[in-house]
Amino acid sequence: MTDQTISGSCCGGSCGSGTATDVQDIGVTTVYKVSGMTCGHCESAVSQEISALQGVTGVTAVAKTGEVTVTSAAPLDEGAVRTAVDEAGYELVGRA
């Protein structure tokens, strides 16, 4: 992992409005606040990193609200979610 500076947008904030990845109605649903997302590319990057965590069954990231809804088979370790968000280049603020 490298240190990154979030400059507000990866592409000028002109694309996307909510990237969903297989959100299902089973398991545990947790909503996180993530700072720095401004577009569809941002949503996709965060969704992909969190989706790779063991037990995650669905992720929906919405740049407009800064919220990321994660569905998992069991409660996730917040440190693992924080690391995934960091890897995507954004900051996990906490739970919504």
PDB file of N, CA and C in Angstrom:
ATOM      1  N   MET A   1       0.850  -1.175   0.000  1.00  0.00           N
ATOM      2  CA  MET A   1       0.000   0.000   0.000  1.00  0.00           C
ATOM      3  C   MET A   1       0.888   1.228   0.000  1.00  0.00           C
ATOM      4  N   THR A   2       0.486   2.217  -0.765  1.00  0.00           N
ATOM      5  CA  THR A   2       1.240   3.458  -0.830  1.00  0.00           C
ATOM      6  C   THR A   2       0.404   4.588  -0.282  1.00  0.00           C
ATOM      7  N   ASP A   3       1.075   5.640   0.174  1.00  0.00           N
ATOM      8  CA  ASP A   3       0.345   6.815   0.641  1.00  0.00           C
ATOM      9  C   ASP A   3      -0.220   7.531  -0.556  1.00  0.00           C
ATOM     10  N   GLN A   4      -1.482   7.915  -0.461  1.00  0.00           N
ATOM     11  CA  GLN A   4      -2.128   8.607  -1.560  1.00  0.00           C
ATOM     12  C   GLN A   4      -2.811   9.852  -1.037  1.00  0.00           C
ATOM     13  N   THR A   5      -2.862  10.865  -1.863  1.00  0.00           N
ATOM     14  CA  THR A   5      -3.569  12.084  -1.520  1.00  0.00           C
ATOM     15  C   THR A   5      -4.822  12.147  -2.358  1.00  0.00           C
ATOM     16  N   ILE A   6      -5.948  12.322  -1.715  1.00  0.00           N
ATOM     17  CA  ILE A   6      -7.216  12.408  -2.427  1.00  0.00           C
ATOM     18  C   ILE A   6      -7.408  13.855  -2.845  1.00  0.00           C
ATOM     19  N   SER A   7      -7.516  14.069  -4.153  1.00  0.00           N
ATOM     20  CA  SER A   7      -7.627  15.419  -4.668  1.00  0.00           C
ATOM     21  C   SER A   7      -9.053  15.804  -5.009  1.00  0.00           C
ATOM     22  N   GLY A   8     -10.026  15.009  -4.586  1.00  0.00           N
ATOM     23  CA  GLY A   8     -11.411  15.381  -4.810  1.00  0.00           C
ATOM     24  C   GLY A   8     -12.099  14.520  -5.845  1.00  0.00           C
ATOM     25  N   SER A   9     -11.420  14.141  -6.907  1.00  0.00           N
ATOM     26  CA  SER A   9     -12.043  13.325  -7.932  1.00  0.00           C
ATOM     27  C   SER A   9     -11.001  12.672  -8.807  1.00  0.00           C
ATOM     28  N   CYS A  10     -11.335  11.483  -9.265  1.00  0.00           N
ATOM     29  CA  CYS A  10     -10.419  10.775 -10.153  1.00  0.00           C
ATOM     30  C   CYS A  10     -10.675  11.149 -11.610  1.00  0.00           C
ATOM     31  N   CYS A  11     -11.864  11.677 -11.911  1.00  0.00           N
ATOM     32  CA  CYS A  11     -12.171  11.992 -13.303  1.00  0.00           C
ATOM     33  C   CYS A  11     -13.042  13.240 -13.441  1.00  0.00           C
ATOM     34  N   GLY A  12     -12.952  14.134 -12.492  1.00  0.00           N
ATOM     35  CA  GLY A  12     -13.717  15.369 -12.580  1.00  0.00           C
ATOM     36  C   GLY A  12     -15.145  15.267 -12.083  1.00  0.00           C
ATOM     37  N   GLY A  13     -15.535  14.091 -11.568  1.00  0.00           N
ATOM     38  CA  GLY A  13     -16.865  13.940 -10.985  1.00  0.00           C
ATOM     39  C   GLY A  13     -17.997  13.927 -11.989  1.00  0.00           C
ATOM     40  N   SER A  14     -17.726  13.511 -13.225  1.00  0.00           N
ATOM     41  CA  SER A  14     -18.752  13.610 -14.251  1.00  0.00           C
ATOM     42  C   SER A  14     -19.371  12.282 -14.647  1.00  0.00           C
ATOM     43  N   CYS A  15     -19.129  11.222 -13.875  1.00  0.00           N
ATOM     44  CA  CYS A  15     -19.681   9.938 -14.294  1.00  0.00           C
ATOM     45  C   CYS A  15     -20.308   9.188 -13.126  1.00  0.00           C
ATOM     46  N   GLY A  16     -21.227   8.296 -13.437  1.00  0.00           N
ATOM     47  CA  GLY A  16     -21.776   7.345 -12.489  1.00  0.00           C
ATOM     48  C   GLY A  16     -22.755   7.901 -11.476  1.00  0.00           C
ATOM     49  N   SER A  17     -23.526   6.974 -10.913  1.00  0.00           N
ATOM     50  CA  SER A  17     -24.453   7.326  -9.837  1.00  0.00           C
ATOM     51  C   SER A  17     -24.884   6.072  -9.105  1.00  0.00           C
ATOM     52  N   GLY A  18     -23.937   5.366  -8.524  1.00  0.00           N
ATOM     53  CA  GLY A  18     -24.267   4.182  -7.726  1.00  0.00           C
ATOM     54  C   GLY A  18     -23.879   2.903  -8.417  1.00  0.00           C
ATOM     55  N   THR A  19     -22.808   2.275  -7.982  1.00  0.00           N
ATOM     56  CA  THR A  19     -22.377   1.016  -8.547  1.00  0.00           C
ATOM     57  C   THR A  19     -22.802  -0.099  -7.617  1.00  0.00           C
ATOM     58  N   ALA A  20     -23.552  -1.057  -8.137  1.00  0.00           N
ATOM     59  CA  ALA A  20     -24.018  -2.167  -7.324  1.00  0.00           C
ATOM     60  C   ALA A  20     -23.327  -3.449  -7.738  1.00  0.00           C
ATOM     61  N   THR A  21     -23.021  -4.289  -6.756  1.00  0.00           N
ATOM     62  CA  THR A  21     -22.420  -5.583  -7.025  1.00  0.00           C
ATOM     63  C   THR A  21     -23.182  -6.634  -6.240  1.00  0.00           C
ATOM     64  N   ASP A  22     -24.147  -7.294  -6.860  1.00  0.00           N
ATOM     65  CA  ASP A  22     -24.849  -8.428  -6.283  1.00  0.00           C
ATOM     66  C   ASP A  22     -25.315  -8.232  -4.845  1.00  0.00           C
ATOM     67  N   VAL A  23     -26.062  -7.190  -4.553  1.00  0.00           N
ATOM     68  CA  VAL A  23     -26.595  -7.011  -3.211  1.00  0.00           C
ATOM     69  C   VAL A  23     -27.737  -7.996  -3.026  1.00  0.00           C
ATOM     70  N   GLN A  24     -27.643  -8.792  -1.960  1.00  0.00           N
ATOM     71  CA  GLN A  24     -28.658  -9.791  -1.678  1.00  0.00           C
ATOM     72  C   GLN A  24     -29.330  -9.473  -0.362  1.00  0.00           C
ATOM     73  N   ASP A  25     -30.502 -10.057  -0.133  1.00  0.00           N
ATOM     74  CA  ASP A  25     -31.272  -9.784   1.069  1.00  0.00           C
ATOM     75  C   ASP A  25     -30.963 -10.747   2.212  1.00  0.00           C
ATOM     76  N   ILE A  26     -29.832 -11.447   2.173  1.00  0.00           N
ATOM     77  CA  ILE A  26     -29.485 -12.371   3.243  1.00  0.00           C
ATOM     78  C   ILE A  26     -28.201 -11.918   3.911  1.00  0.00           C
ATOM     79  N   GLY A  27     -28.032 -12.324   5.159  1.00  0.00           N
ATOM     80  CA  GLY A  27     -26.799 -12.004   5.858  1.00  0.00           C
ATOM     81  C   GLY A  27     -26.889 -10.698   6.622  1.00  0.00           C
ATOM     82  N   VAL A  28     -25.725 -10.115   6.850  1.00  0.00           N
ATOM     83  CA  VAL A  28     -25.582  -8.889   7.626  1.00  0.00           C
ATOM     84  C   VAL A  28     -25.375  -7.724   6.674  1.00  0.00           C
ATOM     85  N   THR A  29     -26.115  -6.641   6.868  1.00  0.00           N
ATOM     86  CA  THR A  29     -25.956  -5.450   6.039  1.00  0.00           C
ATOM     87  C   THR A  29     -25.424  -4.317   6.913  1.00  0.00           C
ATOM     88  N   THR A  30     -24.321  -3.717   6.472  1.00  0.00           N
ATOM     89  CA  THR A  30     -23.698  -2.616   7.192  1.00  0.00           C
ATOM     90  C   THR A  30     -23.478  -1.463   6.223  1.00  0.00           C
ATOM     91  N   VAL A  31     -23.775  -0.243   6.665  1.00  0.00           N
ATOM     92  CA  VAL A  31     -23.578   0.943   5.833  1.00  0.00           C
ATOM     93  C   VAL A  31     -22.398   1.727   6.403  1.00  0.00           C
ATOM     94  N   TYR A  32     -21.429   2.007   5.534  1.00  0.00           N
ATOM     95  CA  TYR A  32     -20.235   2.758   5.909  1.00  0.00           C
ATOM     96  C   TYR A  32     -20.231   4.110   5.210  1.00  0.00           C
ATOM     97  N   LYS A  33     -19.582   5.088   5.829  1.00  0.00           N
ATOM     98  CA  LYS A  33     -19.344   6.384   5.193  1.00  0.00           C
ATOM     99  C   LYS A  33     -17.913   6.391   4.680  1.00  0.00           C
ATOM    100  N   VAL A  34     -17.753   6.769   3.412  1.00  0.00           N
ATOM    101  CA  VAL A  34     -16.441   6.815   2.768  1.00  0.00           C
ATOM    102  C   VAL A  34     -16.261   8.200   2.174  1.00  0.00           C
ATOM    103  N   SER A  35     -15.135   8.829   2.457  1.00  0.00           N
ATOM    104  CA  SER A  35     -14.899  10.167   1.901  1.00  0.00           C
ATOM    105  C   SER A  35     -14.023  10.075   0.663  1.00  0.00           C
ATOM    106  N   GLY A  36     -14.255  11.001  -0.254  1.00  0.00           N
ATOM    107  CA  GLY A  36     -13.444  11.114  -1.464  1.00  0.00           C
ATOM    108  C   GLY A  36     -14.080  10.576  -2.725  1.00  0.00           C
ATOM    109  N   MET A  37     -15.171   9.808  -2.627  1.00  0.00           N
ATOM    110  CA  MET A  37     -15.820   9.288  -3.835  1.00  0.00           C
ATOM    111  C   MET A  37     -16.610  10.404  -4.504  1.00  0.00           C
ATOM    112  N   THR A  38     -16.402  10.561  -5.816  1.00  0.00           N
ATOM    113  CA  THR A  38     -17.112  11.616  -6.533  1.00  0.00           C
ATOM    114  C   THR A  38     -17.772  11.148  -7.822  1.00  0.00           C
ATOM    115  N   CYS A  39     -17.517   9.897  -8.243  1.00  0.00           N
ATOM    116  CA  CYS A  39     -18.038   9.467  -9.546  1.00  0.00           C
ATOM    117  C   CYS A  39     -18.170   7.954  -9.613  1.00  0.00           C
ATOM    118  N   GLY A  40     -18.620   7.469 -10.743  1.00  0.00           N
ATOM    119  CA  GLY A  40     -18.793   6.041 -10.967  1.00  0.00           C
ATOM    120  C   GLY A  40     -17.506   5.251 -10.868  1.00  0.00           C
ATOM    121  N   HIS A  41     -16.406   5.833 -11.326  1.00  0.00           N
ATOM    122  CA  HIS A  41     -15.119   5.148 -11.220  1.00  0.00           C
ATOM    123  C   HIS A  41     -14.760   4.945  -9.755  1.00  0.00           C
ATOM    124  N   CYS A  42     -14.990   5.957  -8.941  1.00  0.00           N
ATOM    125  CA  CYS A  42     -14.731   5.871  -7.502  1.00  0.00           C
ATOM    126  C   CYS A  42     -15.582   4.766  -6.876  1.00  0.00           C
ATOM    127  N   GLU A  43     -16.858   4.762  -7.206  1.00  0.00           N
ATOM    128  CA  GLU A  43     -17.780   3.748  -6.690  1.00  0.00           C
ATOM    129  C   GLU A  43     -17.306   2.350  -7.059  1.00  0.00           C
ATOM    130  N   SER A  44     -16.889   2.182  -8.303  1.00  0.00           N
ATOM    131  CA  SER A  44     -16.428   0.887  -8.777  1.00  0.00           C
ATOM    132  C   SER A  44     -15.166   0.434  -8.059  1.00  0.00           C
ATOM    133  N   ALA A  45     -14.220   1.340  -7.869  1.00  0.00           N
ATOM    134  CA  ALA A  45     -12.963   1.001  -7.195  1.00  0.00           C
ATOM    135  C   ALA A  45     -13.219   0.535  -5.765  1.00  0.00           C
ATOM    136  N   VAL A  46     -14.059   1.263  -5.036  1.00  0.00           N
ATOM    137  CA  VAL A  46     -14.379   0.900  -3.657  1.00  0.00           C
ATOM    138  C   VAL A  46     -15.138  -0.431  -3.636  1.00  0.00           C
ATOM    139  N   SER A  47     -16.114  -0.586  -4.522  1.00  0.00           N
ATOM    140  CA  SER A  47     -16.908  -1.816  -4.582  1.00  0.00           C
ATOM    141  C   SER A  47     -16.037  -3.031  -4.856  1.00  0.00           C
ATOM    142  N   GLN A  48     -15.114  -2.905  -5.788  1.00  0.00           N
ATOM    143  CA  GLN A  48     -14.249  -4.031  -6.139  1.00  0.00           C
ATOM    144  C   GLN A  48     -13.362  -4.447  -4.974  1.00  0.00           C
ATOM    145  N   GLU A  49     -12.771  -3.493  -4.284  1.00  0.00           N
ATOM    146  CA  GLU A  49     -11.889  -3.817  -3.154  1.00  0.00           C
ATOM    147  C   GLU A  49     -12.658  -4.479  -2.015  1.00  0.00           C
ATOM    148  N   ILE A  50     -13.829  -3.938  -1.682  1.00  0.00           N
ATOM    149  CA  ILE A  50     -14.605  -4.519  -0.581  1.00  0.00           C
ATOM    150  C   ILE A  50     -15.179  -5.873  -0.987  1.00  0.00           C
ATOM    151  N   SER A  51     -15.577  -6.020  -2.239  1.00  0.00           N
ATOM    152  CA  SER A  51     -16.129  -7.287  -2.717  1.00  0.00           C
ATOM    153  C   SER A  51     -15.136  -8.438  -2.593  1.00  0.00           C
ATOM    154  N   ALA A  52     -13.847  -8.120  -2.598  1.00  0.00           N
ATOM    155  CA  ALA A  52     -12.807  -9.144  -2.506  1.00  0.00           C
ATOM    156  C   ALA A  52     -12.647  -9.699  -1.089  1.00  0.00           C
ATOM    157  N   LEU A  53     -13.258  -9.040  -0.094  1.00  0.00           N
ATOM    158  CA  LEU A  53     -13.151  -9.526   1.286  1.00  0.00           C
ATOM    159  C   LEU A  53     -13.944 -10.818   1.456  1.00  0.00           C
ATOM    160  N   GLN A  54     -13.394 -11.732   2.230  1.00  0.00           N
ATOM    161  CA  GLN A  54     -14.044 -13.006   2.472  1.00  0.00           C
ATOM    162  C   GLN A  54     -15.392 -12.798   3.169  1.00  0.00           C
ATOM    163  N   GLY A  55     -16.424 -13.438   2.636  1.00  0.00           N
ATOM    164  CA  GLY A  55     -17.758 -13.369   3.224  1.00  0.00           C
ATOM    165  C   GLY A  55     -18.662 -12.300   2.648  1.00  0.00           C
ATOM    166  N   VAL A  56     -18.101 -11.386   1.846  1.00  0.00           N
ATOM    167  CA  VAL A  56     -18.917 -10.318   1.263  1.00  0.00           C
ATOM    168  C   VAL A  56     -19.749 -10.888   0.126  1.00  0.00           C
ATOM    169  N   THR A  57     -21.063 -10.632   0.177  1.00  0.00           N
ATOM    170  CA  THR A  57     -21.961 -11.124  -0.859  1.00  0.00           C
ATOM    171  C   THR A  57     -22.499 -10.007  -1.738  1.00  0.00           C
ATOM    172  N   GLY A  58     -22.329  -8.737  -1.315  1.00  0.00           N
ATOM    173  CA  GLY A  58     -22.791  -7.629  -2.135  1.00  0.00           C
ATOM    174  C   GLY A  58     -22.289  -6.298  -1.623  1.00  0.00           C
ATOM    175  N   VAL A  59     -22.086  -5.369  -2.564  1.00  0.00           N
ATOM    176  CA  VAL A  59     -21.625  -4.020  -2.224  1.00  0.00           C
ATOM    177  C   VAL A  59     -22.332  -3.025  -3.123  1.00  0.00           C
ATOM    178  N   THR A  60     -22.835  -1.945  -2.529  1.00  0.00           N
ATOM    179  CA  THR A  60     -23.376  -0.839  -3.298  1.00  0.00           C
ATOM    180  C   THR A  60     -22.720   0.432  -2.791  1.00  0.00           C
ATOM    181  N   ALA A  61     -21.991   1.120  -3.672  1.00  0.00           N
ATOM    182  CA  ALA A  61     -21.336   2.377  -3.316  1.00  0.00           C
ATOM    183  C   ALA A  61     -22.043   3.515  -4.034  1.00  0.00           C
ATOM    184  N   VAL A  62     -22.313   4.600  -3.316  1.00  0.00           N
ATOM    185  CA  VAL A  62     -22.990   5.758  -3.892  1.00  0.00           C
ATOM    186  C   VAL A  62     -22.146   6.995  -3.594  1.00  0.00           C
ATOM    187  N   ALA A  63     -21.492   7.513  -4.629  1.00  0.00           N
ATOM    188  CA  ALA A  63     -20.602   8.664  -4.459  1.00  0.00           C
ATOM    189  C   ALA A  63     -21.354   9.887  -3.939  1.00  0.00           C
ATOM    190  N   LYS A  64     -22.564  10.106  -4.428  1.00  0.00           N
ATOM    191  CA  LYS A  64     -23.333  11.299  -4.064  1.00  0.00           C
ATOM    192  C   LYS A  64     -23.542  11.421  -2.551  1.00  0.00           C
ATOM    193  N   THR A  65     -23.769  10.274  -1.888  1.00  0.00           N
ATOM    194  CA  THR A  65     -24.012  10.278  -0.445  1.00  0.00           C
ATOM    195  C   THR A  65     -22.773   9.897   0.355  1.00  0.00           C
ATOM    196  N   GLY A  66     -21.777   9.313  -0.318  1.00  0.00           N
ATOM    197  CA  GLY A  66     -20.591   8.836   0.379  1.00  0.00           C
ATOM    198  C   GLY A  66     -20.851   7.563   1.168  1.00  0.00           C
ATOM    199  N   GLU A  67     -21.947   6.881   0.852  1.00  0.00           N
ATOM    200  CA  GLU A  67     -22.299   5.673   1.579  1.00  0.00           C
ATOM    201  C   GLU A  67     -21.988   4.418   0.772  1.00  0.00           C
ATOM    202  N   VAL A  68     -21.508   3.415   1.497  1.00  0.00           N
ATOM    203  CA  VAL A  68     -21.233   2.114   0.908  1.00  0.00           C
ATOM    204  C   VAL A  68     -21.980   1.081   1.741  1.00  0.00           C
ATOM    205  N   THR A  69     -22.921   0.388   1.115  1.00  0.00           N
ATOM    206  CA  THR A  69     -23.704  -0.635   1.781  1.00  0.00           C
ATOM    207  C   THR A  69     -23.084  -1.989   1.469  1.00  0.00           C
ATOM    208  N   VAL A  70     -22.728  -2.717   2.521  1.00  0.00           N
ATOM    209  CA  VAL A  70     -22.056  -4.003   2.361  1.00  0.00           C
ATOM    210  C   VAL A  70     -22.922  -5.087   2.973  1.00  0.00           C
ATOM    211  N   THR A  71     -23.180  -6.137   2.203  1.00  0.00           N
ATOM    212  CA  THR A  71     -23.896  -7.308   2.688  1.00  0.00           C
ATOM    213  C   THR A  71     -22.880  -8.440   2.777  1.00  0.00           C
ATOM    214  N   SER A  72     -22.893  -9.128   3.922  1.00  0.00           N
ATOM    215  CA  SER A  72     -21.934 -10.206   4.139  1.00  0.00           C
ATOM    216  C   SER A  72     -22.602 -11.342   4.896  1.00  0.00           C
ATOM    217  N   ALA A  73     -21.985 -12.513   4.810  1.00  0.00           N
ATOM    218  CA  ALA A  73     -22.524 -13.692   5.474  1.00  0.00           C
ATOM    219  C   ALA A  73     -22.477 -13.542   6.990  1.00  0.00           C
ATOM    220  N   ALA A  74     -21.481 -12.829   7.492  1.00  0.00           N
ATOM    221  CA  ALA A  74     -21.301 -12.590   8.925  1.00  0.00           C
ATOM    222  C   ALA A  74     -20.736 -11.180   9.090  1.00  0.00           C
ATOM    223  N   PRO A  75     -20.785 -10.626  10.303  1.00  0.00           N
ATOM    224  CA  PRO A  75     -20.207  -9.295  10.505  1.00  0.00           C
ATOM    225  C   PRO A  75     -18.743  -9.251  10.064  1.00  0.00           C
ATOM    226  N   LEU A  76     -18.354  -8.157   9.412  1.00  0.00           N
ATOM    227  CA  LEU A  76     -16.987  -7.997   8.926  1.00  0.00           C
ATOM    228  C   LEU A  76     -16.132  -7.267   9.949  1.00  0.00           C
ATOM    229  N   ASP A  77     -14.847  -7.541   9.924  1.00  0.00           N
ATOM    230  CA  ASP A  77     -13.894  -6.805  10.732  1.00  0.00           C
ATOM    231  C   ASP A  77     -13.747  -5.417  10.116  1.00  0.00           C
ATOM    232  N   GLU A  78     -14.018  -4.362  10.903  1.00  0.00           N
ATOM    233  CA  GLU A  78     -13.964  -3.005  10.365  1.00  0.00           C
ATOM    234  C   GLU A  78     -12.557  -2.653   9.870  1.00  0.00           C
ATOM    235  N   GLY A  79     -11.543  -3.215  10.492  1.00  0.00           N
ATOM    236  CA  GLY A  79     -10.169  -2.981  10.044  1.00  0.00           C
ATOM    237  C   GLY A  79      -9.942  -3.499   8.634  1.00  0.00           C
ATOM    238  N   ALA A  80     -10.540  -4.644   8.307  1.00  0.00           N
ATOM    239  CA  ALA A  80     -10.409  -5.207   6.962  1.00  0.00           C
ATOM    240  C   ALA A  80     -11.116  -4.328   5.936  1.00  0.00           C
ATOM    241  N   VAL A  81     -12.286  -3.808   6.323  1.00  0.00           N
ATOM    242  CA  VAL A  81     -13.022  -2.911   5.427  1.00  0.00           C
ATOM    243  C   VAL A  81     -12.216  -1.629   5.229  1.00  0.00           C
ATOM    244  N   ARG A  82     -11.654  -1.094   6.304  1.00  0.00           N
ATOM    245  CA  ARG A  82     -10.838   0.121   6.233  1.00  0.00           C
ATOM    246  C   ARG A  82      -9.642  -0.088   5.283  1.00  0.00           C
ATOM    247  N   THR A  83      -8.988  -1.234   5.398  1.00  0.00           N
ATOM    248  CA  THR A  83      -7.847  -1.531   4.534  1.00  0.00           C
ATOM    249  C   THR A  83      -8.273  -1.608   3.070  1.00  0.00           C
ATOM    250  N   ALA A  84      -9.420  -2.237   2.803  1.00  0.00           N
ATOM    251  CA  ALA A  84      -9.917  -2.345   1.435  1.00  0.00           C
ATOM    252  C   ALA A  84     -10.213  -0.967   0.853  1.00  0.00           C
ATOM    253  N   VAL A  85     -10.858  -0.108   1.651  1.00  0.00           N
ATOM    254  CA  VAL A  85     -11.177   1.249   1.195  1.00  0.00           C
ATOM    255  C   VAL A  85      -9.885   2.036   0.957  1.00  0.00           C
ATOM    256  N   ASP A  86      -8.910   1.880   1.852  1.00  0.00           N
ATOM    257  CA  ASP A  86      -7.601   2.528   1.676  1.00  0.00           C
ATOM    258  C   ASP A  86      -6.932   2.074   0.383  1.00  0.00           C
ATOM    259  N   GLU A  87      -7.001   0.786   0.108  1.00  0.00           N
ATOM    260  CA  GLU A  87      -6.403   0.224  -1.116  1.00  0.00           C
ATOM    261  C   GLU A  87      -7.042   0.836  -2.371  1.00  0.00           C
ATOM    262  N   ALA A  88      -8.317   1.161  -2.277  1.00  0.00           N
ATOM    263  CA  ALA A  88      -9.013   1.783  -3.407  1.00  0.00           C
ATOM    264  C   ALA A  88      -8.651   3.266  -3.547  1.00  0.00           C
ATOM    265  N   GLY A  89      -8.026   3.838  -2.505  1.00  0.00           N
ATOM    266  CA  GLY A  89      -7.602   5.228  -2.568  1.00  0.00           C
ATOM    267  C   GLY A  89      -8.540   6.209  -1.876  1.00  0.00           C
ATOM    268  N   TYR A  90      -9.376   5.702  -0.976  1.00  0.00           N
ATOM    269  CA  TYR A  90     -10.348   6.545  -0.293  1.00  0.00           C
ATOM    270  C   TYR A  90     -10.222   6.346   1.209  1.00  0.00           C
ATOM    271  N   GLU A  91     -11.048   7.044   1.992  1.00  0.00           N
ATOM    272  CA  GLU A  91     -10.952   6.967   3.439  1.00  0.00           C
ATOM    273  C   GLU A  91     -12.265   6.513   4.054  1.00  0.00           C
ATOM    274  N   LEU A  92     -12.194   5.470   4.870  1.00  0.00           N
ATOM    275  CA  LEU A  92     -13.354   5.019   5.617  1.00  0.00           C
ATOM    276  C   LEU A  92     -13.526   5.952   6.808  1.00  0.00           C
ATOM    277  N   VAL A  93     -14.680   6.640   6.851  1.00  0.00           N
ATOM    278  CA  VAL A  93     -14.962   7.580   7.927  1.00  0.00           C
ATOM    279  C   VAL A  93     -15.530   6.833   9.132  1.00  0.00           C
ATOM    280  N   GLY A  94     -16.332   5.823   8.872  1.00  0.00           N
ATOM    281  CA  GLY A  94     -16.965   5.031   9.931  1.00  0.00           C
ATOM    282  C   GLY A  94     -18.269   4.471   9.434  1.00  0.00           C
ATOM    283  N   ARG A  95     -19.080   4.032  10.372  1.00  0.00           N
ATOM    284  CA  ARG A  95     -20.411   3.520  10.005  1.00  0.00           C
ATOM    285  C   ARG A  95     -21.400   4.652   9.915  1.00  0.00           C
ATOM    286  N   ALA A  96     -22.331   4.489   9.001  1.00  0.00           N
ATOM    287  CA  ALA A  96     -23.363   5.525   8.807  1.00  0.00           C
ATOM    288  C   ALA A  96     -24.440   5.410   9.846  1.00  0.00           C
TER     289      ALA A  96
END
